[in-house]
Amino acid sequence: MDKEQRLKLLQCYLANCAIGPTTLRNQGPKGITDAARTFLARLRLRALMKKRDTEYSDWLNKKTKELMKKFPRGAQENWGAARKAINLFMVGAYFNKVVSYQYNLHRFNTTAQIRLKKKR
């Protein structure tokens, strides 16, 4: 198994861990959980490698809208469920050493912390 295959498997694992059976309960019809897991497992994290920390929120908004479109009918307007799913996944990816450093995710939180410290 090569490095890319391992990263894909790890991303699928993170998607399944982030979106547990109750994570999106009562957020929409049957299939919303599977749609979120599938979307997150296929999310192109490599695109984040070229993004500046100031571009992360735009990327996050774009991906939230994309996920909403993948939800089953009756949940496609549920922005909150889509954002929750992506946020939970990204937290898991951020804290996973392999994924975080492979896609440079660790830098997004670090720069945010620096900005917060300067505001205080």
C-alpha atoms as a PDB file:
ATOM      1  CA  MET A   1       0.000   0.000   0.000  1.00  0.00           C
ATOM      2  CA  ASP A   2       1.471   3.341  -1.023  1.00  0.00           C
ATOM      3  CA  LYS A   3       1.314   6.683   0.788  1.00  0.00           C
ATOM      4  CA  GLU A   4      -1.695   8.017  -1.177  1.00  0.00           C
ATOM      5  CA  GLN A   5      -3.736   4.873  -0.475  1.00  0.00           C
ATOM      6  CA  ARG A   6      -2.943   5.111   3.237  1.00  0.00           C
ATOM      7  CA  LEU A   7      -3.998   8.776   3.287  1.00  0.00           C
ATOM      8  CA  LYS A   8      -7.297   7.927   1.561  1.00  0.00           C
ATOM      9  CA  LEU A   9      -7.999   5.153   4.061  1.00  0.00           C
ATOM     10  CA  LEU A  10      -7.119   7.438   6.958  1.00  0.00           C
ATOM     11  CA  GLN A  11      -9.410  10.165   5.612  1.00  0.00           C
ATOM     12  CA  CYS A  12     -12.254   7.653   5.275  1.00  0.00           C
ATOM     13  CA  TYR A  13     -11.611   6.549   8.862  1.00  0.00           C
ATOM     14  CA  LEU A  14     -11.689  10.166  10.075  1.00  0.00           C
ATOM     15  CA  ALA A  15     -14.948  10.790   8.219  1.00  0.00           C
ATOM     16  CA  ASN A  16     -16.565   7.769   9.855  1.00  0.00           C
ATOM     17  CA  CYS A  17     -15.286   8.750  13.299  1.00  0.00           C
ATOM     18  CA  ALA A  18     -16.380  12.377  12.965  1.00  0.00           C
ATOM     19  CA  ILE A  19     -19.878  11.513  11.773  1.00  0.00           C
ATOM     20  CA  GLY A  20     -21.104   8.901  14.179  1.00  0.00           C
ATOM     21  CA  PRO A  21     -24.576   7.361  14.080  1.00  0.00           C
ATOM     22  CA  THR A  22     -26.056  10.128  16.246  1.00  0.00           C
ATOM     23  CA  THR A  23     -24.088  13.139  14.975  1.00  0.00           C
ATOM     24  CA  LEU A  24     -26.741  14.220  12.473  1.00  0.00           C
ATOM     25  CA  ARG A  25     -29.739  12.655  14.198  1.00  0.00           C
ATOM     26  CA  ASN A  26     -32.951  14.596  13.517  1.00  0.00           C
ATOM     27  CA  GLN A  27     -31.135  16.789  10.988  1.00  0.00           C
ATOM     28  CA  GLY A  28     -32.854  15.346   7.954  1.00  0.00           C
ATOM     29  CA  PRO A  29     -34.132  12.211   6.258  1.00  0.00           C
ATOM     30  CA  LYS A  30     -32.456   8.839   6.163  1.00  0.00           C
ATOM     31  CA  GLY A  31     -29.207   8.991   4.230  1.00  0.00           C
ATOM     32  CA  ILE A  32     -27.900  12.292   5.561  1.00  0.00           C
ATOM     33  CA  THR A  33     -25.196  10.563   7.627  1.00  0.00           C
ATOM     34  CA  ASP A  34     -23.995   8.443   4.718  1.00  0.00           C
ATOM     35  CA  ALA A  35     -23.971  11.463   2.417  1.00  0.00           C
ATOM     36  CA  ALA A  36     -21.828  13.435   4.875  1.00  0.00           C
ATOM     37  CA  ARG A  37     -19.397  10.560   5.422  1.00  0.00           C
ATOM     38  CA  THR A  38     -18.996   9.974   1.690  1.00  0.00           C
ATOM     39  CA  PHE A  39     -18.463  13.669   0.986  1.00  0.00           C
ATOM     40  CA  LEU A  40     -15.879  14.037   3.752  1.00  0.00           C
ATOM     41  CA  ALA A  41     -14.027  10.869   2.773  1.00  0.00           C
ATOM     42  CA  ARG A  42     -13.618  12.303  -0.742  1.00  0.00           C
ATOM     43  CA  LEU A  43     -12.870  15.890   0.286  1.00  0.00           C
ATOM     44  CA  ARG A  44      -9.744  17.186  -1.466  1.00  0.00           C
ATOM     45  CA  LEU A  45      -7.657  18.314   1.479  1.00  0.00           C
ATOM     46  CA  ARG A  46      -4.687  18.849  -0.803  1.00  0.00           C
ATOM     47  CA  ALA A  47      -6.326  22.115  -1.930  1.00  0.00           C
ATOM     48  CA  LEU A  48      -5.730  23.511   1.553  1.00  0.00           C
ATOM     49  CA  MET A  49      -1.979  23.228   1.132  1.00  0.00           C
ATOM     50  CA  LYS A  50      -1.974  26.290  -1.132  1.00  0.00           C
ATOM     51  CA  LYS A  51      -4.446  28.325   0.889  1.00  0.00           C
ATOM     52  CA  ARG A  52      -3.476  31.094   3.245  1.00  0.00           C
ATOM     53  CA  ASP A  53      -5.058  31.064   6.685  1.00  0.00           C
ATOM     54  CA  THR A  54      -7.210  34.030   5.641  1.00  0.00           C
ATOM     55  CA  GLU A  55      -8.710  31.923   2.821  1.00  0.00           C
ATOM     56  CA  TYR A  56      -9.819  29.066   5.079  1.00  0.00           C
ATOM     57  CA  SER A  57     -13.225  30.541   5.915  1.00  0.00           C
ATOM     58  CA  ASP A  58     -14.030  30.983   2.206  1.00  0.00           C
ATOM     59  CA  TRP A  59     -13.001  27.388   1.554  1.00  0.00           C
ATOM     60  CA  LEU A  60     -15.132  26.259   4.498  1.00  0.00           C
ATOM     61  CA  ASN A  61     -18.195  28.138   3.214  1.00  0.00           C
ATOM     62  CA  LYS A  62     -17.764  26.692  -0.275  1.00  0.00           C
ATOM     63  CA  LYS A  63     -17.459  23.131   1.024  1.00  0.00           C
ATOM     64  CA  THR A  64     -20.477  23.612   3.308  1.00  0.00           C
ATOM     65  CA  LYS A  65     -22.605  24.556   0.296  1.00  0.00           C
ATOM     66  CA  GLU A  66     -21.243  21.619  -1.696  1.00  0.00           C
ATOM     67  CA  LEU A  67     -22.104  19.194   1.099  1.00  0.00           C
ATOM     68  CA  MET A  68     -25.629  20.601   1.362  1.00  0.00           C
ATOM     69  CA  LYS A  69     -26.164  19.703  -2.315  1.00  0.00           C
ATOM     70  CA  LYS A  70     -25.107  16.114  -1.579  1.00  0.00           C
ATOM     71  CA  PHE A  71     -27.656  15.711   1.199  1.00  0.00           C
ATOM     72  CA  PRO A  72     -30.842  13.791   0.401  1.00  0.00           C
ATOM     73  CA  ARG A  73     -33.979  15.680  -0.559  1.00  0.00           C
ATOM     74  CA  GLY A  74     -35.428  17.348   2.499  1.00  0.00           C
ATOM     75  CA  ALA A  75     -32.034  18.193   3.981  1.00  0.00           C
ATOM     76  CA  GLN A  76     -30.441  20.177   1.164  1.00  0.00           C
ATOM     77  CA  GLU A  77     -31.214  23.454   2.898  1.00  0.00           C
ATOM     78  CA  ASN A  78     -29.713  22.369   6.212  1.00  0.00           C
ATOM     79  CA  TRP A  79     -26.641  24.581   6.425  1.00  0.00           C
ATOM     80  CA  GLY A  80     -26.142  23.822  10.129  1.00  0.00           C
ATOM     81  CA  ALA A  81     -25.873  20.070   9.612  1.00  0.00           C
ATOM     82  CA  ALA A  82     -23.403  20.517   6.753  1.00  0.00           C
ATOM     83  CA  ARG A  83     -21.213  22.941   8.701  1.00  0.00           C
ATOM     84  CA  LYS A  84     -21.320  20.731  11.794  1.00  0.00           C
ATOM     85  CA  ALA A  85     -20.203  17.721   9.761  1.00  0.00           C
ATOM     86  CA  ILE A  86     -17.323  19.576   8.113  1.00  0.00           C
ATOM     87  CA  ASN A  87     -16.210  21.191  11.374  1.00  0.00           C
ATOM     88  CA  LEU A  88     -16.148  17.868  13.214  1.00  0.00           C
ATOM     89  CA  PHE A  89     -14.208  16.262  10.383  1.00  0.00           C
ATOM     90  CA  MET A  90     -11.701  19.106  10.185  1.00  0.00           C
ATOM     91  CA  VAL A  91     -11.081  18.994  13.930  1.00  0.00           C
ATOM     92  CA  GLY A  92     -10.320  15.285  13.618  1.00  0.00           C
ATOM     93  CA  ALA A  93      -8.052  15.932  10.637  1.00  0.00           C
ATOM     94  CA  TYR A  94      -6.302  18.762  12.466  1.00  0.00           C
ATOM     95  CA  PHE A  95      -5.550  16.590  15.485  1.00  0.00           C
ATOM     96  CA  ASN A  96      -4.419  13.620  13.405  1.00  0.00           C
ATOM     97  CA  LYS A  97      -0.656  14.042  13.105  1.00  0.00           C
ATOM     98  CA  VAL A  98      -0.320  12.324   9.733  1.00  0.00           C
ATOM     99  CA  VAL A  99      -3.169  14.158   8.002  1.00  0.00           C
ATOM    100  CA  SER A 100      -2.457  17.507   9.621  1.00  0.00           C
ATOM    101  CA  TYR A 101       1.163  17.626   8.529  1.00  0.00           C
ATOM    102  CA  GLN A 102       0.559  16.048   5.127  1.00  0.00           C
ATOM    103  CA  TYR A 103      -1.884  18.814   4.202  1.00  0.00           C
ATOM    104  CA  ASN A 104      -0.419  21.580   6.406  1.00  0.00           C
ATOM    105  CA  LEU A 105      -3.612  21.830   8.469  1.00  0.00           C
ATOM    106  CA  HIS A 106      -1.655  22.581  11.639  1.00  0.00           C
ATOM    107  CA  ARG A 107      -0.903  26.108  10.408  1.00  0.00           C
ATOM    108  CA  PHE A 108      -4.538  27.234  10.289  1.00  0.00           C
ATOM    109  CA  ASN A 109      -5.100  26.995  14.040  1.00  0.00           C
ATOM    110  CA  THR A 110      -1.673  28.354  14.934  1.00  0.00           C
ATOM    111  CA  THR A 111      -2.204  31.612  13.064  1.00  0.00           C
ATOM    112  CA  ALA A 112      -5.695  31.963  14.522  1.00  0.00           C
ATOM    113  CA  GLN A 113      -4.270  31.581  18.029  1.00  0.00           C
ATOM    114  CA  ILE A 114      -1.669  34.257  17.345  1.00  0.00           C
ATOM    115  CA  ARG A 115      -4.367  36.683  16.189  1.00  0.00           C
ATOM    116  CA  LEU A 116      -6.420  35.971  19.310  1.00  0.00           C
ATOM    117  CA  LYS A 117      -3.432  36.627  21.570  1.00  0.00           C
ATOM    118  CA  LYS A 118      -2.762  39.951  19.849  1.00  0.00           C
ATOM    119  CA  LYS A 119      -6.367  41.104  20.399  1.00  0.00           C
ATOM    120  CA  ARG A 120      -6.219  40.532  24.146  1.00  0.00           C
END
